[in-house]
Amino acid sequence: MHVIMRFAKRKGGQISSMESHNERKKEKYASNPDIDMNRSKDNYHIIQPQHTYRREIDSRIKAVGCRTRKDSVKMVEVLFTASPEFFAAVSVDERRVYFDMAARFIQDEVGKENVFAATVHLDEATPHMHVCFTPITKDGRLSAKEIVGNQKKLSEWQDKVHAHFVERWNFFERGASAMVTKRKHIPPWLYKQAQRLDRQQEAVMTALSEINNFNAPKKRAEAIQILKKWFPQAQKFTAELGKNKKAMDSLKKEVGEMTAAIDRQDKKIIELHAQNEFSQQTAKKQQKLLNALPKEELALREQEVDAIIKGINER
């Protein structure tokens, strides 16, 4: 069993839509058919936002006096869940303890004053919690990059969260570090979509495997209904992956061009460095020769040079 923690950086334009999702402010969520609105009443807060997300964020930034840009990341959203077998094995009270500990962990790491919402969702397939905070550093800067960090820092986050939970539930395993496996961070939306498609595919396969002479029409109809839901979502998922691949290919091309330009600059720098070294060595040799000449000889040579220059100017 594993503790699951995923980070997502949110810019200004994304904040309202994230609030709408987390706080269940819509009557229907076509983009996420896993949500069962009949069970939404069971959702609860570990940390209740006192105002809208945007107001919470803006008031914190104003209080600290952070500098911001149009494209600043103003909110970091942390998704907490666990292996499904964990939630199946523990009581409702223990489940709440798990989410309490998760919220406290984030507060301890980024500052209690920066965390403004922690919402537990029980109306989807697997219980999970969204924790939202303003990424303000200890010295008062707005920097999600510094707080969340790179792959090495993300691996350290996973080490810390595992140590935090294993004190109470010693059966939690620490997954292989991304520094070792070289796998990339999976954004929450992709993780949830893939999980949903996997479940639907399993449901289709189960319905098909249970078909026999007695229930064939019913099971076939059941499988078709699931397929009707699965197919457009699978197409959308594939399209999203296609967009990501195009973006990745474009970035790779840009990186390749930048690398080639850097290589050319490096080559030029090496050439200039070699020329500079040669010039310095030549200058040293000339200076050595000049130092070896008697002063009278040097003065005579200077007079001869002056006479040559004067003759050239008089022509």
Foldseek 3Di string as FASTA:
>chain_A
DAKDKAKDFAADVCQQVVQCVQVVVDPDDPVDPQFDVVCQVVKDWPAAAPDRPVVLQVVVLVVLVEDDDNGARFKMKMKIFTPQVVVVPDDPVVVVVVQNLVQVVVCVQQNVSFWRTWMWDPRGDGIMIITMGGRAHPNGYRDPCVSCHDLVSVQVVLVVVCVSPCVPVVVHDRPDRCVVVVDDRDHPVLVSLVVVLVVLVVLLVVLVVPADPVCNVVSVVVSVVSCVVNVVSVVVSVVVVVVVVVVVVVVVVVVVVVVVVVVVVVVVVVVVVVVVVVVVVVVVVVVVVVVPDDPVVVVVVVVVVVVVVVVVVVD
